[in-house]
Amino acid sequence: SLPFGTVVEVHSLVNGRTVEVRVNDRGPFIRKRIIDLSRGAAEALGLIESGTGTKSVVLRVRAPAKSR
């Protein structure tokens, strides 16, 4: 529901890692998930190494989308 271009901080509640991402498409595409991440963002949060591909996270808007 966030506008394209919004910068969001994604914070893992499991390992404390944080990554900032920019909204560039719609999703998530699997029910009960709140966000789909790029592979690079998932690696930064430790999702790939955990083998599950999912973690409990908190989202915080860091910068709203810029008006055009």
C-alpha atoms as a PDB file:
ATOM      1  CA  SER A   1       0.000   0.000   0.000  1.00  0.00           C
ATOM      2  CA  LEU A   2       3.065   2.295   0.007  1.00  0.00           C
ATOM      3  CA  PRO A   3       3.700   4.525  -3.020  1.00  0.00           C
ATOM      4  CA  PHE A   4       6.509   3.633  -5.418  1.00  0.00           C
ATOM      5  CA  GLY A   5       9.762   5.301  -4.380  1.00  0.00           C
ATOM      6  CA  THR A   6       9.095   5.186  -0.633  1.00  0.00           C
ATOM      7  CA  VAL A   7      12.218   4.278   1.373  1.00  0.00           C
ATOM      8  CA  VAL A   8      11.468   1.708   4.066  1.00  0.00           C
ATOM      9  CA  GLU A   9      13.685   0.434   6.866  1.00  0.00           C
ATOM     10  CA  VAL A  10      13.261  -3.313   7.378  1.00  0.00           C
ATOM     11  CA  HIS A  11      14.443  -4.483  10.813  1.00  0.00           C
ATOM     12  CA  SER A  12      14.775  -8.185  11.646  1.00  0.00           C
ATOM     13  CA  LEU A  13      13.338  -9.094  15.036  1.00  0.00           C
ATOM     14  CA  VAL A  14      15.344 -12.326  14.933  1.00  0.00           C
ATOM     15  CA  ASN A  15      18.925 -11.067  14.544  1.00  0.00           C
ATOM     16  CA  GLY A  16      18.667  -7.268  14.833  1.00  0.00           C
ATOM     17  CA  ARG A  17      19.926  -6.585  11.306  1.00  0.00           C
ATOM     18  CA  THR A  18      18.467  -3.650   9.388  1.00  0.00           C
ATOM     19  CA  VAL A  19      18.351  -2.735   5.710  1.00  0.00           C
ATOM     20  CA  GLU A  20      16.796   0.180   3.827  1.00  0.00           C
ATOM     21  CA  VAL A  21      14.885  -0.601   0.644  1.00  0.00           C
ATOM     22  CA  ARG A  22      12.959   1.434  -1.909  1.00  0.00           C
ATOM     23  CA  VAL A  23       9.465   0.324  -2.942  1.00  0.00           C
ATOM     24  CA  ASN A  24       9.641  -0.486  -6.662  1.00  0.00           C
ATOM     25  CA  ASP A  25       6.798  -2.941  -7.242  1.00  0.00           C
ATOM     26  CA  ARG A  26       3.632  -4.327  -5.704  1.00  0.00           C
ATOM     27  CA  GLY A  27       3.440  -7.288  -3.414  1.00  0.00           C
ATOM     28  CA  PRO A  28       3.891  -9.306  -1.393  1.00  0.00           C
ATOM     29  CA  PHE A  29       2.801 -12.152  -3.596  1.00  0.00           C
ATOM     30  CA  ILE A  30       2.430 -14.771  -0.855  1.00  0.00           C
ATOM     31  CA  ARG A  31      -0.285 -14.427   1.791  1.00  0.00           C
ATOM     32  CA  LYS A  32       0.609 -13.507   5.380  1.00  0.00           C
ATOM     33  CA  ARG A  33       3.812 -11.746   4.318  1.00  0.00           C
ATOM     34  CA  ILE A  34       4.164  -8.004   4.671  1.00  0.00           C
ATOM     35  CA  ILE A  35       7.007  -7.379   2.179  1.00  0.00           C
ATOM     36  CA  ASP A  36       8.972  -9.160  -0.552  1.00  0.00           C
ATOM     37  CA  LEU A  37      12.657  -8.229  -0.724  1.00  0.00           C
ATOM     38  CA  SER A  38      15.336  -8.345  -3.403  1.00  0.00           C
ATOM     39  CA  ARG A  39      17.966 -11.047  -3.018  1.00  0.00           C
ATOM     40  CA  GLY A  40      20.525  -8.457  -1.871  1.00  0.00           C
ATOM     41  CA  ALA A  41      18.236  -7.104   0.843  1.00  0.00           C
ATOM     42  CA  ALA A  42      17.344 -10.635   1.951  1.00  0.00           C
ATOM     43  CA  GLU A  43      21.048 -11.510   2.217  1.00  0.00           C
ATOM     44  CA  ALA A  44      21.711  -8.341   4.245  1.00  0.00           C
ATOM     45  CA  LEU A  45      19.004  -9.419   6.722  1.00  0.00           C
ATOM     46  CA  GLY A  46      20.324 -12.979   6.941  1.00  0.00           C
ATOM     47  CA  LEU A  47      17.297 -14.572   5.281  1.00  0.00           C
ATOM     48  CA  ILE A  48      19.338 -16.581   2.782  1.00  0.00           C
ATOM     49  CA  GLU A  49      21.713 -18.072   5.347  1.00  0.00           C
ATOM     50  CA  SER A  50      18.834 -19.073   7.637  1.00  0.00           C
ATOM     51  CA  GLY A  51      17.400 -21.268   4.891  1.00  0.00           C
ATOM     52  CA  THR A  52      13.822 -20.280   5.630  1.00  0.00           C
ATOM     53  CA  GLY A  53      13.534 -17.159   3.488  1.00  0.00           C
ATOM     54  CA  THR A  54      11.269 -15.554   6.078  1.00  0.00           C
ATOM     55  CA  LYS A  55      11.773 -13.752   9.373  1.00  0.00           C
ATOM     56  CA  SER A  56       9.724 -11.571  11.685  1.00  0.00           C
ATOM     57  CA  VAL A  57      10.395  -7.951  10.781  1.00  0.00           C
ATOM     58  CA  VAL A  58       9.269  -4.425  11.570  1.00  0.00           C
ATOM     59  CA  LEU A  59       8.885  -1.833   8.807  1.00  0.00           C
ATOM     60  CA  ARG A  60       9.394   1.900   9.249  1.00  0.00           C
ATOM     61  CA  VAL A  61       8.990   4.524   6.531  1.00  0.00           C
ATOM     62  CA  ARG A  62      12.252   6.480   6.337  1.00  0.00           C
ATOM     63  CA  ALA A  63      11.432   8.779   3.409  1.00  0.00           C
ATOM     64  CA  PRO A  64       8.112   9.180   1.647  1.00  0.00           C
ATOM     65  CA  ALA A  65       8.003   8.971  -2.129  1.00  0.00           C
ATOM     66  CA  LYS A  66       8.999  12.205  -3.831  1.00  0.00           C
ATOM     67  CA  SER A  67       6.309  14.072  -5.713  1.00  0.00           C
ATOM     68  CA  ARG A  68       6.751  14.265  -9.448  1.00  0.00           C
END
